Full PDB file with SEQRES, HELIX, SHEET, SSBOND, CRYST1, ORIGX, SCALE, CONECT and MASTER records, all heavy atoms in Angstrom:
SEQRES   1 A   32  THR VAL GLN GLU ILE ALA SER LEU LEU ILE ARG LYS GLU          
SEQRES   2 A   32  LEU PRO ILE GLN LYS ILE ALA GLU ASP PHE SER PHE CYS          
SEQRES   3 A   32  SER ALA SER TYR PHE SER                                      
HELIX    1 AA1 VAL A    2  LEU A    9  1                                   8    
HELIX    2 AA2 ILE A   16  ASP A   22  1                                   7    
HELIX    3 AA3 ALA A   28  PHE A   31  1                                   4    
CRYST1    1.000    1.000    1.000  90.00  90.00  90.00 P 1           1          
ORIGX1      1.000000  0.000000  0.000000        0.00000                         
ORIGX2      0.000000  1.000000  0.000000        0.00000                         
ORIGX3      0.000000  0.000000  1.000000        0.00000                         
SCALE1      1.000000  0.000000  0.000000        0.00000                         
SCALE2      0.000000  1.000000  0.000000        0.00000                         
SCALE3      0.000000  0.000000  1.000000        0.00000                         
ATOM      1  N   THR A   1     -49.632   0.234 -44.560  1.00  0.00           N  
ATOM      2  CA  THR A   1     -48.390   0.562 -43.858  1.00  0.00           C  
ATOM      3  C   THR A   1     -47.337  -0.512 -44.098  1.00  0.00           C  
ATOM      4  O   THR A   1     -46.180  -0.206 -44.396  1.00  0.00           O  
ATOM      5  CB  THR A   1     -48.658   0.721 -42.348  1.00  0.00           C  
ATOM      6  OG1 THR A   1     -49.622   1.762 -42.158  1.00  0.00           O  
ATOM      7  CG2 THR A   1     -47.399   1.052 -41.582  1.00  0.00           C  
ATOM      8  N   VAL A   2     -47.720  -1.760 -43.982  1.00  0.00           N  
ATOM      9  CA  VAL A   2     -46.774  -2.870 -44.169  1.00  0.00           C  
ATOM     10  C   VAL A   2     -46.251  -2.896 -45.602  1.00  0.00           C  
ATOM     11  O   VAL A   2     -45.052  -3.124 -45.827  1.00  0.00           O  
ATOM     12  CB  VAL A   2     -47.427  -4.216 -43.782  1.00  0.00           C  
ATOM     13  CG1 VAL A   2     -46.590  -5.393 -44.222  1.00  0.00           C  
ATOM     14  CG2 VAL A   2     -47.660  -4.263 -42.280  1.00  0.00           C  
ATOM     15  N   GLN A   3     -47.110  -2.634 -46.575  1.00  0.00           N  
ATOM     16  CA  GLN A   3     -46.647  -2.594 -47.967  1.00  0.00           C  
ATOM     17  C   GLN A   3     -45.599  -1.505 -48.162  1.00  0.00           C  
ATOM     18  O   GLN A   3     -44.583  -1.722 -48.827  1.00  0.00           O  
ATOM     19  CB  GLN A   3     -47.824  -2.353 -48.916  1.00  0.00           C  
ATOM     20  CG  GLN A   3     -48.740  -3.524 -49.061  1.00  0.00           C  
ATOM     21  CD  GLN A   3     -49.958  -3.206 -49.924  1.00  0.00           C  
ATOM     22  OE1 GLN A   3     -50.135  -2.104 -50.417  1.00  0.00           O  
ATOM     23  NE2 GLN A   3     -50.808  -4.199 -50.106  1.00  0.00           N  
ATOM     24  N   GLU A   4     -45.839  -0.341 -47.579  1.00  0.00           N  
ATOM     25  CA  GLU A   4     -44.888   0.768 -47.720  1.00  0.00           C  
ATOM     26  C   GLU A   4     -43.587   0.472 -46.973  1.00  0.00           C  
ATOM     27  O   GLU A   4     -42.496   0.718 -47.495  1.00  0.00           O  
ATOM     28  CB  GLU A   4     -45.518   2.067 -47.218  1.00  0.00           C  
ATOM     29  CG  GLU A   4     -44.660   3.280 -47.431  1.00  0.00           C  
ATOM     30  CD  GLU A   4     -44.391   3.611 -48.899  1.00  0.00           C  
ATOM     31  OE1 GLU A   4     -45.156   3.185 -49.793  1.00  0.00           O  
ATOM     32  OE2 GLU A   4     -43.392   4.311 -49.163  1.00  0.00           O  
ATOM     33  N   ILE A   5     -43.686  -0.068 -45.771  1.00  0.00           N  
ATOM     34  CA  ILE A   5     -42.476  -0.421 -45.014  1.00  0.00           C  
ATOM     35  C   ILE A   5     -41.652  -1.446 -45.793  1.00  0.00           C  
ATOM     36  O   ILE A   5     -40.431  -1.309 -45.912  1.00  0.00           O  
ATOM     37  CB  ILE A   5     -42.842  -0.952 -43.608  1.00  0.00           C  
ATOM     38  CG1 ILE A   5     -43.310   0.205 -42.720  1.00  0.00           C  
ATOM     39  CG2 ILE A   5     -41.665  -1.686 -42.969  1.00  0.00           C  
ATOM     40  CD1 ILE A   5     -43.873  -0.226 -41.382  1.00  0.00           C  
ATOM     41  N   ALA A   6     -42.302  -2.449 -46.343  1.00  0.00           N  
ATOM     42  CA  ALA A   6     -41.587  -3.481 -47.107  1.00  0.00           C  
ATOM     43  C   ALA A   6     -40.874  -2.868 -48.302  1.00  0.00           C  
ATOM     44  O   ALA A   6     -39.712  -3.202 -48.572  1.00  0.00           O  
ATOM     45  CB  ALA A   6     -42.552  -4.576 -47.556  1.00  0.00           C  
ATOM     46  N   SER A   7     -41.541  -1.954 -48.994  1.00  0.00           N  
ATOM     47  CA  SER A   7     -40.900  -1.351 -50.166  1.00  0.00           C  
ATOM     48  C   SER A   7     -39.713  -0.471 -49.773  1.00  0.00           C  
ATOM     49  O   SER A   7     -38.738  -0.368 -50.520  1.00  0.00           O  
ATOM     50  CB  SER A   7     -41.908  -0.563 -50.993  1.00  0.00           C  
ATOM     51  OG  SER A   7     -42.305   0.611 -50.333  1.00  0.00           O  
ATOM     52  N   LEU A   8     -39.775   0.135 -48.598  1.00  0.00           N  
ATOM     53  CA  LEU A   8     -38.647   0.952 -48.141  1.00  0.00           C  
ATOM     54  C   LEU A   8     -37.502   0.093 -47.599  1.00  0.00           C  
ATOM     55  O   LEU A   8     -36.335   0.446 -47.758  1.00  0.00           O  
ATOM     56  CB  LEU A   8     -39.109   1.945 -47.074  1.00  0.00           C  
ATOM     57  CG  LEU A   8     -40.067   3.031 -47.569  1.00  0.00           C  
ATOM     58  CD1 LEU A   8     -40.584   3.850 -46.394  1.00  0.00           C  
ATOM     59  CD2 LEU A   8     -39.404   3.914 -48.599  1.00  0.00           C  
ATOM     60  N   LEU A   9     -37.832  -1.022 -46.964  1.00  0.00           N  
ATOM     61  CA  LEU A   9     -36.781  -1.879 -46.416  1.00  0.00           C  
ATOM     62  C   LEU A   9     -35.882  -2.464 -47.500  1.00  0.00           C  
ATOM     63  O   LEU A   9     -34.709  -2.724 -47.247  1.00  0.00           O  
ATOM     64  CB  LEU A   9     -37.392  -3.005 -45.572  1.00  0.00           C  
ATOM     65  CG  LEU A   9     -37.878  -2.618 -44.185  1.00  0.00           C  
ATOM     66  CD1 LEU A   9     -38.613  -3.789 -43.532  1.00  0.00           C  
ATOM     67  CD2 LEU A   9     -36.724  -2.154 -43.306  1.00  0.00           C  
ATOM     68  N   ILE A  10     -36.409  -2.678 -48.690  1.00  0.00           N  
ATOM     69  CA  ILE A  10     -35.562  -3.265 -49.738  1.00  0.00           C  
ATOM     70  C   ILE A  10     -34.592  -2.245 -50.319  1.00  0.00           C  
ATOM     71  O   ILE A  10     -33.683  -2.618 -51.046  1.00  0.00           O  
ATOM     72  CB  ILE A  10     -36.387  -3.927 -50.858  1.00  0.00           C  
ATOM     73  CG1 ILE A  10     -37.253  -2.930 -51.595  1.00  0.00           C  
ATOM     74  CG2 ILE A  10     -37.205  -5.080 -50.315  1.00  0.00           C  
ATOM     75  CD1 ILE A  10     -37.948  -3.502 -52.817  1.00  0.00           C  
ATOM     76  N   ARG A  11     -34.758  -0.993 -49.962  1.00  0.00           N  
ATOM     77  CA  ARG A  11     -33.823   0.047 -50.416  1.00  0.00           C  
ATOM     78  C   ARG A  11     -32.698   0.161 -49.386  1.00  0.00           C  
ATOM     79  O   ARG A  11     -32.854   0.792 -48.349  1.00  0.00           O  
ATOM     80  CB  ARG A  11     -34.564   1.370 -50.578  1.00  0.00           C  
ATOM     81  CG  ARG A  11     -35.615   1.300 -51.663  1.00  0.00           C  
ATOM     82  CD  ARG A  11     -36.417   2.551 -51.794  1.00  0.00           C  
ATOM     83  NE  ARG A  11     -35.555   3.711 -51.973  1.00  0.00           N  
ATOM     84  CZ  ARG A  11     -35.955   4.957 -51.772  1.00  0.00           C  
ATOM     85  NH1 ARG A  11     -37.182   5.204 -51.379  1.00  0.00           N  
ATOM     86  NH2 ARG A  11     -35.129   5.958 -51.959  1.00  0.00           N  
ATOM     87  N   LYS A  12     -31.588  -0.464 -49.685  1.00  0.00           N  
ATOM     88  CA  LYS A  12     -30.485  -0.549 -48.728  1.00  0.00           C  
ATOM     89  C   LYS A  12     -29.890   0.797 -48.335  1.00  0.00           C  
ATOM     90  O   LYS A  12     -29.271   0.916 -47.288  1.00  0.00           O  
ATOM     91  CB  LYS A  12     -29.384  -1.464 -49.264  1.00  0.00           C  
ATOM     92  CG  LYS A  12     -29.749  -2.912 -49.198  1.00  0.00           C  
ATOM     93  CD  LYS A  12     -28.547  -3.786 -49.440  1.00  0.00           C  
ATOM     94  CE  LYS A  12     -28.912  -5.218 -49.130  1.00  0.00           C  
ATOM     95  NZ  LYS A  12     -27.768  -6.074 -49.039  1.00  0.00           N  
ATOM     96  N   GLU A  13     -30.097   1.830 -49.162  1.00  0.00           N  
ATOM     97  CA  GLU A  13     -29.529   3.139 -48.839  1.00  0.00           C  
ATOM     98  C   GLU A  13     -30.290   3.838 -47.707  1.00  0.00           C  
ATOM     99  O   GLU A  13     -29.790   4.805 -47.134  1.00  0.00           O  
ATOM    100  CB  GLU A  13     -29.467   4.040 -50.078  1.00  0.00           C  
ATOM    101  CG  GLU A  13     -30.806   4.572 -50.563  1.00  0.00           C  
ATOM    102  CD  GLU A  13     -31.564   3.620 -51.481  1.00  0.00           C  
ATOM    103  OE1 GLU A  13     -31.138   2.473 -51.663  1.00  0.00           O  
ATOM    104  OE2 GLU A  13     -32.598   4.051 -52.012  1.00  0.00           O  
ATOM    105  N   LEU A  14     -31.480   3.340 -47.369  1.00  0.00           N  
ATOM    106  CA  LEU A  14     -32.260   3.932 -46.280  1.00  0.00           C  
ATOM    107  C   LEU A  14     -31.975   3.195 -44.975  1.00  0.00           C  
ATOM    108  O   LEU A  14     -32.216   1.991 -44.884  1.00  0.00           O  
ATOM    109  CB  LEU A  14     -33.757   3.834 -46.584  1.00  0.00           C  
ATOM    110  CG  LEU A  14     -34.281   4.657 -47.742  1.00  0.00           C  
ATOM    111  CD1 LEU A  14     -35.748   4.330 -47.989  1.00  0.00           C  
ATOM    112  CD2 LEU A  14     -34.111   6.136 -47.451  1.00  0.00           C  
ATOM    113  N   PRO A  15     -31.491   3.887 -43.968  1.00  0.00           N  
ATOM    114  CA  PRO A  15     -31.271   3.229 -42.681  1.00  0.00           C  
ATOM    115  C   PRO A  15     -32.596   2.761 -42.069  1.00  0.00           C  
ATOM    116  O   PRO A  15     -33.618   3.450 -42.174  1.00  0.00           O  
ATOM    117  CB  PRO A  15     -30.647   4.321 -41.810  1.00  0.00           C  
ATOM    118  CG  PRO A  15     -30.169   5.363 -42.766  1.00  0.00           C  
ATOM    119  CD  PRO A  15     -31.043   5.272 -43.974  1.00  0.00           C  
ATOM    120  N   ILE A  16     -32.579   1.603 -41.458  1.00  0.00           N  
ATOM    121  CA  ILE A  16     -33.786   1.053 -40.847  1.00  0.00           C  
ATOM    122  C   ILE A  16     -34.315   2.005 -39.776  1.00  0.00           C  
ATOM    123  O   ILE A  16     -35.527   2.212 -39.661  1.00  0.00           O  
ATOM    124  CB  ILE A  16     -33.516  -0.361 -40.284  1.00  0.00           C  
ATOM    125  CG1 ILE A  16     -33.261  -1.323 -41.457  1.00  0.00           C  
ATOM    126  CG2 ILE A  16     -34.674  -0.844 -39.422  1.00  0.00           C  
ATOM    127  CD1 ILE A  16     -32.800  -2.701 -41.058  1.00  0.00           C  
ATOM    128  N   GLN A  17     -33.433   2.614 -39.014  1.00  0.00           N  
ATOM    129  CA  GLN A  17     -33.842   3.565 -37.974  1.00  0.00           C  
ATOM    130  C   GLN A  17     -34.616   4.736 -38.591  1.00  0.00           C  
ATOM    131  O   GLN A  17     -35.609   5.191 -38.037  1.00  0.00           O  
ATOM    132  CB  GLN A  17     -32.619   4.080 -37.206  1.00  0.00           C  
ATOM    133  CG  GLN A  17     -32.957   5.047 -36.096  1.00  0.00           C  
ATOM    134  CD  GLN A  17     -33.743   4.408 -34.978  1.00  0.00           C  
ATOM    135  OE1 GLN A  17     -33.495   3.252 -34.608  1.00  0.00           O  
ATOM    136  NE2 GLN A  17     -34.685   5.131 -34.423  1.00  0.00           N  
ATOM    137  N   LYS A  18     -34.199   5.200 -39.754  1.00  0.00           N  
ATOM    138  CA  LYS A  18     -34.873   6.310 -40.436  1.00  0.00           C  
ATOM    139  C   LYS A  18     -36.279   5.905 -40.859  1.00  0.00           C  
ATOM    140  O   LYS A  18     -37.230   6.684 -40.740  1.00  0.00           O  
ATOM    141  CB  LYS A  18     -34.049   6.748 -41.661  1.00  0.00           C  
ATOM    142  CG  LYS A  18     -34.716   7.743 -42.557  1.00  0.00           C  
ATOM    143  CD  LYS A  18     -34.522   9.157 -42.062  1.00  0.00           C  
ATOM    144  CE  LYS A  18     -34.943  10.176 -43.101  1.00  0.00           C  
ATOM    145  NZ  LYS A  18     -36.258  10.708 -42.910  1.00  0.00           N  
ATOM    146  N   ILE A  19     -36.429   4.687 -41.344  1.00  0.00           N  
ATOM    147  CA  ILE A  19     -37.754   4.193 -41.743  1.00  0.00           C  
ATOM    148  C   ILE A  19     -38.665   4.156 -40.519  1.00  0.00           C  
ATOM    149  O   ILE A  19     -39.812   4.606 -40.574  1.00  0.00           O  
ATOM    150  CB  ILE A  19     -37.654   2.809 -42.409  1.00  0.00           C  
ATOM    151  CG1 ILE A  19     -36.819   2.892 -43.696  1.00  0.00           C  
ATOM    152  CG2 ILE A  19     -39.037   2.237 -42.707  1.00  0.00           C  
ATOM    153  CD1 ILE A  19     -36.436   1.552 -44.287  1.00  0.00           C  
ATOM    154  N   ALA A  20     -38.146   3.646 -39.407  1.00  0.00           N  
ATOM    155  CA  ALA A  20     -38.929   3.595 -38.162  1.00  0.00           C  
ATOM    156  C   ALA A  20     -39.351   4.995 -37.736  1.00  0.00           C  
ATOM    157  O   ALA A  20     -40.503   5.226 -37.360  1.00  0.00           O  
ATOM    158  CB  ALA A  20     -38.130   2.910 -37.065  1.00  0.00           C  
ATOM    159  N   GLU A  21     -38.441   5.944 -37.811  1.00  0.00           N  
ATOM    160  CA  GLU A  21     -38.750   7.328 -37.436  1.00  0.00           C  
ATOM    161  C   GLU A  21     -39.779   7.943 -38.374  1.00  0.00           C  
ATOM    162  O   GLU A  21     -40.694   8.638 -37.932  1.00  0.00           O  
ATOM    163  CB  GLU A  21     -37.483   8.169 -37.434  1.00  0.00           C  
ATOM    164  CG  GLU A  21     -36.525   7.848 -36.319  1.00  0.00           C  
ATOM    165  CD  GLU A  21     -35.171   8.519 -36.474  1.00  0.00           C  
ATOM    166  OE1 GLU A  21     -34.992   9.324 -37.430  1.00  0.00           O  
ATOM    167  OE2 GLU A  21     -34.286   8.236 -35.654  1.00  0.00           O  
ATOM    168  N   ASP A  22     -39.645   7.687 -39.664  1.00  0.00           N  
ATOM    169  CA  ASP A  22     -40.580   8.239 -40.648  1.00  0.00           C  
ATOM    170  C   ASP A  22     -42.008   7.747 -40.425  1.00  0.00           C  
ATOM    171  O   ASP A  22     -42.966   8.440 -40.757  1.00  0.00           O  
ATOM    172  CB  ASP A  22     -40.140   7.911 -42.074  1.00  0.00           C  
ATOM    173  CG  ASP A  22     -38.914   8.699 -42.497  1.00  0.00           C  
ATOM    174  OD1 ASP A  22     -38.516   9.641 -41.786  1.00  0.00           O  
ATOM    175  OD2 ASP A  22     -38.342   8.356 -43.555  1.00  0.00           O  
ATOM    176  N   PHE A  23     -42.156   6.559 -39.867  1.00  0.00           N  
ATOM    177  CA  PHE A  23     -43.478   6.019 -39.574  1.00  0.00           C  
ATOM    178  C   PHE A  23     -43.895   6.275 -38.124  1.00  0.00           C  
ATOM    179  O   PHE A  23     -44.888   5.733 -37.654  1.00  0.00           O  
ATOM    180  CB  PHE A  23     -43.527   4.515 -39.889  1.00  0.00           C  
ATOM    181  CG  PHE A  23     -43.694   4.242 -41.354  1.00  0.00           C  
ATOM    182  CD1 PHE A  23     -42.588   4.172 -42.188  1.00  0.00           C  
ATOM    183  CD2 PHE A  23     -44.943   4.086 -41.912  1.00  0.00           C  
ATOM    184  CE1 PHE A  23     -42.732   3.936 -43.546  1.00  0.00           C  
ATOM    185  CE2 PHE A  23     -45.100   3.851 -43.266  1.00  0.00           C  
ATOM    186  CZ  PHE A  23     -43.994   3.777 -44.091  1.00  0.00           C  
ATOM    187  N   SER A  24     -43.110   7.095 -37.436  1.00  0.00           N  
ATOM    188  CA  SER A  24     -43.426   7.538 -36.063  1.00  0.00           C  
ATOM    189  C   SER A  24     -43.508   6.408 -35.040  1.00  0.00           C  
ATOM    190  O   SER A  24     -44.291   6.474 -34.096  1.00  0.00           O  
ATOM    191  CB  SER A  24     -44.719   8.352 -36.043  1.00  0.00           C  
ATOM    192  OG  SER A  24     -44.593   9.484 -36.857  1.00  0.00           O  
ATOM    193  N   PHE A  25     -42.686   5.382 -35.231  1.00  0.00           N  
ATOM    194  CA  PHE A  25     -42.593   4.356 -34.196  1.00  0.00           C  
ATOM    195  C   PHE A  25     -41.827   4.942 -33.019  1.00  0.00           C  
ATOM    196  O   PHE A  25     -40.851   5.667 -33.221  1.00  0.00           O  
ATOM    197  CB  PHE A  25     -41.910   3.096 -34.728  1.00  0.00           C  
ATOM    198  CG  PHE A  25     -42.819   2.243 -35.558  1.00  0.00           C  
ATOM    199  CD1 PHE A  25     -42.939   2.463 -36.926  1.00  0.00           C  
ATOM    200  CD2 PHE A  25     -43.584   1.237 -34.990  1.00  0.00           C  
ATOM    201  CE1 PHE A  25     -43.785   1.697 -37.708  1.00  0.00           C  
ATOM    202  CE2 PHE A  25     -44.436   0.460 -35.756  1.00  0.00           C  
ATOM    203  CZ  PHE A  25     -44.539   0.686 -37.123  1.00  0.00           C  
ATOM    204  N   CYS A  26     -42.257   4.632 -31.817  1.00  0.00           N  
ATOM    205  CA  CYS A  26     -41.651   5.240 -30.630  1.00  0.00           C  
ATOM    206  C   CYS A  26     -40.252   4.695 -30.346  1.00  0.00           C  
ATOM    207  O   CYS A  26     -39.477   5.350 -29.655  1.00  0.00           O  
ATOM    208  CB  CYS A  26     -42.562   5.076 -29.422  1.00  0.00           C  
ATOM    209  SG  CYS A  26     -42.954   3.369 -29.010  1.00  0.00           S  
ATOM    210  N   SER A  27     -39.931   3.527 -30.875  1.00  0.00           N  
ATOM    211  CA  SER A  27     -38.597   2.964 -30.674  1.00  0.00           C  
ATOM    212  C   SER A  27     -38.283   1.978 -31.790  1.00  0.00           C  
ATOM    213  O   SER A  27     -39.181   1.458 -32.453  1.00  0.00           O  
ATOM    214  CB  SER A  27     -38.506   2.250 -29.325  1.00  0.00           C  
ATOM    215  OG  SER A  27     -39.284   1.066 -29.332  1.00  0.00           O  
ATOM    216  N   ALA A  28     -36.997   1.715 -31.949  1.00  0.00           N  
ATOM    217  CA  ALA A  28     -36.564   0.746 -32.956  1.00  0.00           C  
ATOM    218  C   ALA A  28     -37.055  -0.658 -32.599  1.00  0.00           C  
ATOM    219  O   ALA A  28     -37.401  -1.438 -33.492  1.00  0.00           O  
ATOM    220  CB  ALA A  28     -35.052   0.763 -33.087  1.00  0.00           C  
ATOM    221  N   SER A  29     -37.110  -0.975 -31.314  1.00  0.00           N  
ATOM    222  CA  SER A  29     -37.558  -2.314 -30.920  1.00  0.00           C  
ATOM    223  C   SER A  29     -39.046  -2.506 -31.208  1.00  0.00           C  
ATOM    224  O   SER A  29     -39.460  -3.591 -31.620  1.00  0.00           O  
ATOM    225  CB  SER A  29     -37.249  -2.591 -29.453  1.00  0.00           C  
ATOM    226  OG  SER A  29     -37.958  -1.726 -28.615  1.00  0.00           O  
ATOM    227  N   TYR A  30     -39.858  -1.468 -31.023  1.00  0.00           N  
ATOM    228  CA  TYR A  30     -41.283  -1.581 -31.353  1.00  0.00           C  
ATOM    229  C   TYR A  30     -41.459  -1.733 -32.864  1.00  0.00           C  
ATOM    230  O   TYR A  30     -42.278  -2.537 -33.322  1.00  0.00           O  
ATOM    231  CB  TYR A  30     -42.065  -0.376 -30.833  1.00  0.00           C  
ATOM    232  CG  TYR A  30     -43.537  -0.495 -31.100  1.00  0.00           C  
ATOM    233  CD1 TYR A  30     -44.315  -1.458 -30.455  1.00  0.00           C  
ATOM    234  CD2 TYR A  30     -44.149   0.319 -32.038  1.00  0.00           C  
ATOM    235  CE1 TYR A  30     -45.666  -1.598 -30.729  1.00  0.00           C  
ATOM    236  CE2 TYR A  30     -45.500   0.193 -32.315  1.00  0.00           C  
ATOM    237  CZ  TYR A  30     -46.256  -0.764 -31.659  1.00  0.00           C  
ATOM    238  OH  TYR A  30     -47.587  -0.903 -31.943  1.00  0.00           O  
ATOM    239  N   PHE A  31     -40.687  -0.990 -33.634  1.00  0.00           N  
ATOM    240  CA  PHE A  31     -40.719  -1.121 -35.097  1.00  0.00           C  
ATOM    241  C   PHE A  31     -40.356  -2.549 -35.496  1.00  0.00           C  
ATOM    242  O   PHE A  31     -41.031  -3.156 -36.325  1.00  0.00           O  
ATOM    243  CB  PHE A  31     -39.760  -0.121 -35.741  1.00  0.00           C  
ATOM    244  CG  PHE A  31     -39.650  -0.247 -37.235  1.00  0.00           C  
ATOM    245  CD1 PHE A  31     -40.690   0.137 -38.063  1.00  0.00           C  
ATOM    246  CD2 PHE A  31     -38.496  -0.746 -37.818  1.00  0.00           C  
ATOM    247  CE1 PHE A  31     -40.592   0.014 -39.446  1.00  0.00           C  
ATOM    248  CE2 PHE A  31     -38.386  -0.874 -39.192  1.00  0.00           C  
ATOM    249  CZ  PHE A  31     -39.439  -0.486 -40.010  1.00  0.00           C  
ATOM    250  N   SER A  32     -39.324  -3.083 -34.895  1.00  0.00           N  
ATOM    251  CA  SER A  32     -38.888  -4.441 -35.206  1.00  0.00           C  
ATOM    252  C   SER A  32     -39.988  -5.450 -34.878  1.00  0.00           C  
ATOM    253  O   SER A  32     -40.263  -6.354 -35.679  1.00  0.00           O  
ATOM    254  CB  SER A  32     -37.611  -4.775 -34.439  1.00  0.00           C  
ATOM    255  OG  SER A  32     -37.159  -6.060 -34.792  1.00  0.00           O  
TER     256      SER A  32                                                      
MASTER        0    0    0    3    0    0    0    6  255    1    0    3          
END                                                                             
């Protein structure tokens, strides 16, 4: 999961909130 999140975070065109939602985190703060 961490490897995939890291690879998505380096793609600036993807909003961080969208990445959190795609991984089913219940909130942005928990994702952070």
